[in-house]
Amino acid sequence: MLALLLSPAVAAAQVPYRTVVIFGDTQTTAKGDPNQYADFTSQIRLIHLRVQLGVRLMPRNTATPNAASTSTLLRKLFDEEILVASSPLVFGEDDLTPGERQLVAKAVVSRRCEFSTGRVLARGLLRELGSETAELLRDSDRVPIWPEGVVGSISHCDDLCAVAIGDRARFRGVGLDVEPDEPVKEGVERVVCGPGESAWLDLAKGEERSRRIKMVFSIKEAVYKAFYPELRAFWGFQDVQTEIDLEGERFRASLPEGPEVREIEGRVVRRQGWILSAVTRRRT
């Protein structure tokens, strides 16, 4: 576990981390919001582990997440064989197993809500897939330890959690990312976007241009999630370049050396105030 945080004040608050940022040989951590990268340099070499966005106190809720809302938000985001679910952050540590609870024992309340909601949703999907598990732990890289024969992805941001899982016999990986559909701060573009992506951004103006930067960020998060559990290779923002078709709600991403393919396609949509990006790695 990484020990360095952005500041002593953050460390004292025990704020968990989503993204590991490497400056030469020094590691630190930051929240998942791309605005956090506005002042970072090109030495950033990797993105994504877990999420910490905002501080919300959510009560325990034993009700099943609203299926109608889930189907609307995540509708047709993935292939039909991928099972999906989403929910506000309404679950708490009382909904966890003892082993899961230990993983967030020192986390702030908002992180425990994020983690708990993700685990509740994931266990429900695993039951639907026929691969029920008593608890969903994580490995030393903070990657969920899915049951044998299952691939999955968990994303949470602000007051939303979404989960996608699939059959490992059909899919090598799945990546899902959710972000608020909001503008980013000045300076994020030079960290997240490459020259080709900036040219696409220039087709929009003002706030819309800034929102598109968030889309690029979200896509790269989803791509990374789809590949990292198998490859365990760290990719920086500039290692993945995207081409986005807004009207078709699709994207193509070029990848660095390492995976079985050098490019992959996925979905990116804007719904209900969210940006949702999805990638599936179907076995051939």
Foldseek 3Di string as FASTA:
>chain_A
DDQAEPDVVCSVQVADAWWWFDDPPDIYGDAPALLRCLPPDQSGFFTTDAHDADADAAEADPDDADPVVQCVVCPPQDPPQKDKGKHFLHHALVQADPQQCVVCVPHHRRVRSLSSVQFVRVQVVCVVVVNHDPHWAADPSNHTDDPPQKEKEWEDYDGMIMIIMHGCVWFVFKFKYKDFQWFHDPRSCVFQADPVQVVVLVVDDDGVSRSVSVLSSRQVRRVCRGPCVPQVDGGGNVQKHKDDDQVVQKMKIAHHPDDPDRMFMGGWHAPPRMIMTMGTGTDD
